[in-house]
Amino acid sequence: MSAMCVEDETAKFFWLVGFTMKLLKLMAFGVVLATAVAPSTTAAACGNVSITEMNWASSQIITEVSKFLLEQGYGCKVKKVPSATTTAVASLAETGKPDIVTELWLNSTGDAYAKMAKKGKVEALADVLSPGGVEGWWIPQYLADKHPELLTMKGVLANPQLVGAQFNNCPDGWGCRIVNDNLIKAFDMSGKGIKVFNHGSGETLATSIAAAYKDKKPWFGYYWGPTAVLGQYKMAKVKIGEIDQKIHSGNQNKENSNPGISDFPPAQVLTVVTAALKKREPAVAKLMSKVSFDVDVMNGVLAWRKAKGASAEEAAVRFLSTESKIWGAWVSDDARKKLSALIK
């Protein structure tokens, strides 16, 4: 390792130590502030609230920001529930929990969510990503520049070797996994010479793109935005086909005996709460109806997190420390006073 690399790694180490200390001080001060509030006042302000901790980066940051605002601004006791799109929807249908689902991609929820919404069991409060998310199948831009025919599925299926004869699929539990599996079947991908690699996590999916870019090798698969990956690596979207909302809706259901071909429509990404939570904690629902991240802002936070090797909690502190004008417009006057005393 060169001296420059040693210096860079040393600087990064001390930066992380310093930032972690700042984070611990901030959280410790928050605990002191919370315990200083009279029990009766805290109980009246807010009770127990459960919120999803999805297994991808942007949702984790949204959850950490929301958790901090709820605990330190509103006096809530917040419980994070590890989850994913399909498991969150299933849990809402079966148990009515968790209270809050952050970053729910509506076009990956199937019929189950629509049925609950129609019955009034859940309610969408906000477009948590503005103007929305993007999903699709991608190849690296350097591959598209060399082989522009790969920008359509017709070209990919005619030249499987040019994309490495492999499709990089979503992890199990993600809503995109069901859609992808149906599209894979509709295209008869295995019959056309393309094997499917089902990633075990979002981290390995992202790493596969980074590895391909490093050696300028073929890569073909699913990805979405906002993400640090799409900000860091230039990718070209493959046209799956025309957007057909009826076909896409059908492809969101696991038990689809006759899947069709439709591209991913622009994604509405929501914060969803249960009707019970909205009735029990109206102030919480009001806050969550205002929590919305501009996609460019979120891409910036994600890129910062990746560059620093930071945790979701540290990325949340970074956002809260640098974007007071944004979150300050979300919270009540009383919560803003409490939070402003914490966040300098």
Protein backbone atom coordinates (compact mmCIF):
# COMPACT_ATOMS: atom_id res chain seq x y z
CA MET A 1 0.00 0.00 0.00
CA SER A 2 1.38 3.45 -0.94
CA ALA A 3 1.99 6.22 1.58
CA MET A 4 -0.88 8.18 0.01
CA CYS A 5 -3.24 5.24 0.56
CA VAL A 6 -2.10 4.93 4.18
CA GLU A 7 -2.76 8.64 4.71
CA ASP A 8 -6.21 8.38 3.09
CA GLU A 9 -7.15 5.36 5.20
CA THR A 10 -5.83 7.04 8.37
CA ALA A 11 -7.79 10.20 7.62
CA LYS A 12 -10.92 8.16 6.97
CA PHE A 13 -10.42 6.28 10.24
CA PHE A 14 -10.11 9.44 12.32
CA TRP A 15 -13.04 11.04 10.48
CA LEU A 16 -15.22 8.03 11.35
CA VAL A 17 -14.08 8.12 14.99
CA GLY A 18 -14.90 11.83 15.21
CA PHE A 19 -18.25 11.47 13.51
CA THR A 20 -19.20 8.48 15.69
CA MET A 21 -18.38 10.49 18.82
CA LYS A 22 -20.57 13.32 17.54
CA LEU A 23 -23.36 10.84 16.88
CA LEU A 24 -23.07 9.32 20.36
CA LYS A 25 -23.11 12.75 21.98
CA LEU A 26 -26.16 13.75 19.98
CA MET A 27 -28.04 10.56 20.87
CA ALA A 28 -26.99 10.81 24.53
CA PHE A 29 -28.22 14.40 24.72
CA GLY A 30 -31.48 13.23 23.21
CA VAL A 31 -31.86 10.63 25.96
CA VAL A 32 -31.25 13.29 28.61
CA LEU A 33 -33.80 15.56 26.98
CA ALA A 34 -36.37 12.76 26.80
CA THR A 35 -35.91 11.78 30.44
CA ALA A 36 -36.24 15.42 31.50
CA VAL A 37 -39.82 15.51 30.21
CA ALA A 38 -42.48 14.67 32.76
CA PRO A 39 -43.86 11.13 32.23
CA SER A 40 -47.43 12.33 31.93
CA THR A 41 -46.47 14.89 29.26
CA THR A 42 -44.52 12.29 27.27
CA ALA A 43 -47.39 9.80 27.41
CA ALA A 44 -49.85 12.45 26.28
CA ALA A 45 -47.60 13.52 23.43
CA CYS A 46 -46.94 10.10 21.96
CA GLY A 47 -46.91 6.42 22.85
CA ASN A 48 -45.40 3.35 21.19
CA VAL A 49 -44.89 3.47 17.43
CA SER A 50 -43.53 0.72 15.17
CA ILE A 51 -41.82 1.54 11.87
CA THR A 52 -40.29 -0.59 9.13
CA GLU A 53 -36.55 -0.89 8.66
CA MET A 54 -36.41 -2.05 5.03
CA ASN A 55 -33.34 -3.88 3.74
CA TRP A 56 -32.10 -1.17 1.36
CA ALA A 57 -30.16 2.03 1.99
CA SER A 58 -32.56 4.88 1.16
CA SER A 59 -35.40 3.40 3.22
CA GLN A 60 -33.06 2.80 6.16
CA ILE A 61 -32.05 6.48 6.13
CA ILE A 62 -35.70 7.59 5.92
CA THR A 63 -36.48 5.33 8.88
CA GLU A 64 -33.57 6.66 10.97
CA VAL A 65 -34.51 10.29 10.25
CA SER A 66 -38.18 9.61 11.08
CA LYS A 67 -37.26 7.71 14.23
CA PHE A 68 -35.09 10.56 15.50
CA LEU A 69 -37.76 13.18 14.81
CA LEU A 70 -40.46 11.08 16.46
CA GLU A 71 -38.42 10.25 19.55
CA GLN A 72 -36.68 13.57 20.17
CA GLY A 73 -39.34 15.89 18.77
CA TYR A 74 -42.55 14.14 19.76
CA GLY A 75 -41.56 11.92 22.68
CA CYS A 76 -42.52 8.66 20.97
CA LYS A 77 -41.07 5.26 21.82
CA VAL A 78 -40.15 3.93 18.38
CA LYS A 79 -39.52 0.28 17.54
CA LYS A 80 -37.82 -0.56 14.24
CA VAL A 81 -39.14 -3.70 12.52
CA PRO A 82 -36.78 -5.38 10.00
CA SER A 83 -38.79 -5.85 6.81
CA ALA A 84 -39.03 -5.82 3.02
CA THR A 85 -41.81 -4.92 0.58
CA THR A 86 -43.65 -8.23 0.44
CA THR A 87 -43.17 -9.06 4.11
CA ALA A 88 -44.37 -5.60 5.20
CA VAL A 89 -47.56 -5.90 3.13
CA ALA A 90 -48.16 -9.45 4.40
CA SER A 91 -47.67 -8.33 8.00
CA LEU A 92 -50.09 -5.43 7.56
CA ALA A 93 -52.70 -7.79 6.11
CA GLU A 94 -52.28 -10.44 8.82
CA THR A 95 -51.54 -8.43 11.97
CA GLY A 96 -52.21 -4.75 11.21
CA LYS A 97 -48.57 -4.00 12.07
CA PRO A 98 -46.23 -2.19 11.78
CA ASP A 99 -47.78 1.23 12.28
CA ILE A 100 -45.63 2.94 9.65
CA VAL A 101 -44.16 1.55 6.42
CA THR A 102 -41.45 3.75 4.93
CA GLU A 103 -40.56 3.75 1.24
CA LEU A 104 -43.26 1.40 -0.03
CA TRP A 105 -42.93 1.08 -3.80
CA LEU A 106 -46.56 0.97 -4.89
CA ASN A 107 -45.89 -0.79 -8.18
CA SER A 108 -44.40 -3.76 -6.33
CA THR A 109 -47.16 -4.38 -3.78
CA GLY A 110 -49.58 -6.53 -5.80
CA ASP A 111 -53.28 -6.83 -5.00
CA ALA A 112 -52.85 -7.25 -1.23
CA TYR A 113 -52.10 -3.60 -0.52
CA ALA A 114 -54.84 -2.35 -2.87
CA LYS A 115 -57.41 -4.49 -1.02
CA MET A 116 -56.33 -3.14 2.38
CA ALA A 117 -56.42 0.45 1.13
CA LYS A 118 -59.89 -0.07 -0.33
CA LYS A 119 -61.12 -1.39 3.03
CA GLY A 120 -59.63 1.61 4.82
CA LYS A 121 -57.15 -0.43 6.85
CA VAL A 122 -54.14 1.52 5.57
CA GLU A 123 -53.61 4.98 4.16
CA ALA A 124 -50.89 6.50 1.99
CA LEU A 125 -49.79 9.74 3.63
CA ALA A 126 -47.01 11.02 1.40
CA ASP A 127 -44.86 10.53 -1.68
CA VAL A 128 -41.76 9.93 0.40
CA LEU A 129 -39.53 10.21 -2.67
CA SER A 130 -40.22 13.14 -4.98
CA PRO A 131 -40.91 12.97 -7.88
CA GLY A 132 -40.72 9.18 -7.46
CA GLY A 133 -38.51 6.18 -8.05
CA VAL A 134 -37.19 4.47 -11.15
CA GLU A 135 -36.93 0.73 -11.68
CA GLY A 136 -35.74 -1.31 -14.58
CA TRP A 137 -33.21 -3.58 -16.22
CA TRP A 138 -29.82 -2.08 -16.97
CA ILE A 139 -26.46 -2.60 -18.64
CA PRO A 140 -23.30 -0.52 -18.11
CA GLN A 141 -23.06 2.52 -20.39
CA TYR A 142 -19.73 1.28 -21.80
CA LEU A 143 -21.50 -1.88 -22.95
CA ALA A 144 -24.34 0.12 -24.50
CA ASP A 145 -21.85 2.36 -26.32
CA LYS A 146 -20.14 -0.69 -27.83
CA HIS A 147 -23.31 -2.67 -28.52
CA PRO A 148 -26.33 -0.33 -28.85
CA GLU A 149 -28.48 -3.29 -29.92
CA LEU A 150 -28.48 -4.36 -26.24
CA LEU A 151 -30.69 -1.41 -25.31
CA THR A 152 -33.75 -3.52 -26.09
CA MET A 153 -34.70 -6.97 -24.81
CA LYS A 154 -34.91 -8.14 -28.40
CA GLY A 155 -31.22 -7.36 -28.79
CA VAL A 156 -30.30 -8.90 -25.43
CA LEU A 157 -32.10 -12.16 -26.16
CA ALA A 158 -30.49 -12.35 -29.60
CA ASN A 159 -27.01 -11.84 -28.11
CA PRO A 160 -26.96 -13.41 -24.63
CA GLN A 161 -23.16 -13.80 -24.64
CA LEU A 162 -22.72 -10.02 -24.91
CA VAL A 163 -24.36 -9.54 -21.49
CA GLY A 164 -22.42 -12.40 -19.93
CA ALA A 165 -25.36 -14.79 -20.41
CA GLN A 166 -26.58 -13.84 -16.93
CA PHE A 167 -29.39 -11.79 -15.40
CA ASN A 168 -28.76 -10.32 -11.95
CA ASN A 169 -32.03 -10.64 -10.03
CA CYS A 170 -33.42 -9.05 -6.86
CA PRO A 171 -33.08 -10.70 -3.45
CA ASP A 172 -35.99 -12.76 -2.18
CA GLY A 173 -38.56 -10.67 -0.31
CA TRP A 174 -38.25 -7.62 -2.55
CA GLY A 175 -41.32 -6.72 -4.59
CA CYS A 176 -39.19 -6.49 -7.74
CA ARG A 177 -38.29 -10.17 -7.33
CA ILE A 178 -41.86 -11.22 -8.08
CA VAL A 179 -42.12 -8.87 -11.08
CA ASN A 180 -38.74 -10.00 -12.40
CA ASP A 181 -39.55 -13.68 -11.97
CA ASN A 182 -42.72 -13.23 -14.00
CA LEU A 183 -40.89 -11.30 -16.72
CA ILE A 184 -38.14 -13.92 -16.81
CA LYS A 185 -40.79 -16.56 -17.40
CA ALA A 186 -42.56 -14.46 -20.04
CA PHE A 187 -39.29 -13.97 -21.95
CA ASP A 188 -38.28 -17.64 -21.50
CA MET A 189 -34.90 -16.30 -20.47
CA SER A 190 -33.36 -19.68 -19.62
CA GLY A 191 -34.51 -21.06 -22.96
CA LYS A 192 -32.74 -18.15 -24.68
CA GLY A 193 -29.42 -18.94 -22.99
CA ILE A 194 -29.49 -16.50 -20.06
CA LYS A 195 -29.16 -17.94 -16.57
CA VAL A 196 -30.64 -16.13 -13.59
CA PHE A 197 -28.53 -15.28 -10.57
CA ASN A 198 -30.69 -14.51 -7.53
CA HIS A 199 -28.75 -12.20 -5.24
CA GLY A 200 -28.96 -12.78 -1.51
CA SER A 201 -28.88 -9.10 -0.60
CA GLY A 202 -28.89 -5.59 -1.99
CA GLU A 203 -25.21 -5.35 -1.09
CA THR A 204 -24.16 -8.22 -3.37
CA LEU A 205 -26.32 -6.83 -6.17
CA ALA A 206 -24.58 -3.46 -5.89
CA THR A 207 -21.16 -5.10 -5.58
CA SER A 208 -21.73 -7.02 -8.80
CA ILE A 209 -22.14 -3.72 -10.69
CA ALA A 210 -19.01 -2.25 -9.08
CA ALA A 211 -17.01 -5.38 -9.94
CA ALA A 212 -18.20 -5.32 -13.56
CA TYR A 213 -17.31 -1.64 -13.90
CA LYS A 214 -13.85 -2.17 -12.43
CA ASP A 215 -12.93 -4.67 -15.16
CA LYS A 216 -15.28 -3.29 -17.84
CA LYS A 217 -17.05 -6.64 -18.04
CA PRO A 218 -20.65 -7.37 -19.17
CA TRP A 219 -23.43 -6.91 -16.63
CA PHE A 220 -27.21 -7.20 -17.05
CA GLY A 221 -29.86 -7.03 -14.37
CA TYR A 222 -32.28 -5.13 -12.19
CA TYR A 223 -31.58 -1.91 -10.31
CA TRP A 224 -33.47 1.10 -9.04
CA GLY A 225 -33.10 4.71 -7.98
CA PRO A 226 -32.53 6.75 -5.98
CA THR A 227 -29.32 4.91 -5.11
CA ALA A 228 -25.66 5.73 -4.69
CA VAL A 229 -24.91 3.06 -7.28
CA LEU A 230 -26.78 4.77 -10.13
CA GLY A 231 -25.16 8.03 -9.09
CA GLN A 232 -21.67 6.52 -9.09
CA TYR A 233 -21.86 4.22 -12.11
CA LYS A 234 -23.31 5.30 -15.43
CA MET A 235 -25.86 2.69 -16.47
CA ALA A 236 -28.10 2.45 -19.54
CA LYS A 237 -31.71 1.32 -19.20
CA VAL A 238 -32.77 -1.65 -21.34
CA LYS A 239 -36.22 -1.29 -22.90
CA ILE A 240 -38.19 -4.28 -21.66
CA GLY A 241 -41.25 -3.38 -23.72
CA GLU A 242 -44.15 -0.96 -23.73
CA ILE A 243 -45.69 -0.08 -20.37
CA ASP A 244 -48.97 -1.94 -19.89
CA GLN A 245 -50.39 -1.21 -16.44
CA LYS A 246 -52.71 -4.22 -16.48
CA ILE A 247 -49.91 -6.62 -17.36
CA HIS A 248 -47.56 -5.02 -14.84
CA SER A 249 -50.19 -5.29 -12.11
CA GLY A 250 -50.56 -8.98 -12.91
CA ASN A 251 -46.79 -9.43 -12.81
CA GLN A 252 -46.76 -8.15 -9.23
CA ASN A 253 -48.53 -11.31 -8.08
CA LYS A 254 -46.56 -14.46 -7.35
CA GLU A 255 -49.33 -16.79 -8.44
CA ASN A 256 -49.49 -15.60 -12.03
CA SER A 257 -49.92 -18.52 -14.41
CA ASN A 258 -49.76 -16.35 -17.51
CA PRO A 259 -47.27 -13.48 -17.03
CA GLY A 260 -46.90 -10.91 -19.79
CA ILE A 261 -44.34 -8.35 -20.91
CA SER A 262 -44.50 -4.79 -19.61
CA ASP A 263 -41.79 -2.36 -18.65
CA PHE A 264 -41.72 -0.89 -15.14
CA PRO A 265 -43.88 2.26 -14.98
CA PRO A 266 -42.57 5.29 -13.06
CA ALA A 267 -42.79 4.30 -9.43
CA GLN A 268 -44.85 6.07 -6.81
CA VAL A 269 -43.01 5.60 -3.51
CA LEU A 270 -45.11 6.06 -0.40
CA THR A 271 -45.18 6.40 3.33
CA VAL A 272 -48.08 4.25 4.50
CA VAL A 273 -49.68 4.09 7.94
CA THR A 274 -52.41 1.97 9.46
CA ALA A 275 -55.80 3.53 10.11
CA ALA A 276 -55.33 2.57 13.77
CA LEU A 277 -52.11 4.60 14.02
CA LYS A 278 -53.69 7.66 12.42
CA LYS A 279 -56.55 7.56 14.94
CA ARG A 280 -54.30 6.81 17.93
CA GLU A 281 -51.45 9.21 17.11
CA PRO A 282 -52.72 12.03 14.85
CA ALA A 283 -49.59 14.14 15.44
CA VAL A 284 -47.40 11.27 14.22
CA ALA A 285 -49.54 10.85 11.11
CA LYS A 286 -49.35 14.59 10.44
CA LEU A 287 -45.56 14.52 10.65
CA MET A 288 -45.24 11.46 8.39
CA SER A 289 -47.55 13.11 5.83
CA LYS A 290 -44.87 15.79 5.37
CA VAL A 291 -41.72 13.64 5.34
CA SER A 292 -40.62 13.70 1.70
CA PHE A 293 -37.12 13.57 0.23
CA ASP A 294 -36.26 15.06 -3.14
CA VAL A 295 -34.57 12.29 -5.14
CA ASP A 296 -31.50 14.45 -5.77
CA VAL A 297 -31.14 15.16 -2.05
CA MET A 298 -31.44 11.46 -1.25
CA ASN A 299 -28.90 10.56 -3.94
CA GLY A 300 -26.52 13.02 -2.28
CA VAL A 301 -27.01 11.49 1.17
CA LEU A 302 -26.55 8.00 -0.25
CA ALA A 303 -23.39 8.98 -2.11
CA TRP A 304 -22.02 10.59 1.08
CA ARG A 305 -22.79 7.45 3.08
CA LYS A 306 -21.04 5.23 0.56
CA ALA A 307 -17.99 7.47 0.28
CA LYS A 308 -17.59 7.66 4.07
CA GLY A 309 -18.47 4.03 4.78
CA ALA A 310 -21.07 5.39 7.21
CA SER A 311 -24.09 3.70 8.78
CA ALA A 312 -27.69 4.62 8.07
CA GLU A 313 -27.82 6.29 11.48
CA GLU A 314 -24.75 8.38 10.69
CA ALA A 315 -26.22 9.33 7.31
CA ALA A 316 -29.41 10.42 9.09
CA VAL A 317 -27.40 12.63 11.44
CA ARG A 318 -25.63 14.11 8.42
CA PHE A 319 -28.99 14.94 6.82
CA LEU A 320 -30.42 16.36 10.04
CA SER A 321 -27.30 18.45 10.64
CA THR A 322 -27.13 19.94 7.14
CA GLU A 323 -30.75 20.12 5.97
CA SER A 324 -32.59 21.86 8.81
CA LYS A 325 -34.67 23.88 6.34
CA ILE A 326 -36.08 20.66 4.90
CA TRP A 327 -36.92 18.76 8.08
CA GLY A 328 -37.83 21.97 9.89
CA ALA A 329 -40.81 22.34 7.57
CA TRP A 330 -42.03 18.85 8.46
CA VAL A 331 -42.29 19.13 12.23
CA SER A 332 -44.57 21.02 14.59
CA ASP A 333 -43.45 24.28 16.24
CA ASP A 334 -42.97 22.55 19.60
CA ALA A 335 -40.98 19.69 18.07
CA ARG A 336 -38.84 22.16 16.11
CA LYS A 337 -37.81 23.92 19.35
CA LYS A 338 -36.80 20.61 20.97
CA LEU A 339 -34.91 19.41 17.92
CA SER A 340 -33.15 22.72 17.32
CA ALA A 341 -31.72 22.48 20.85
CA LEU A 342 -30.24 19.09 19.91
CA ILE A 343 -29.06 19.64 16.37
CA LYS A 344 -26.45 22.35 16.01
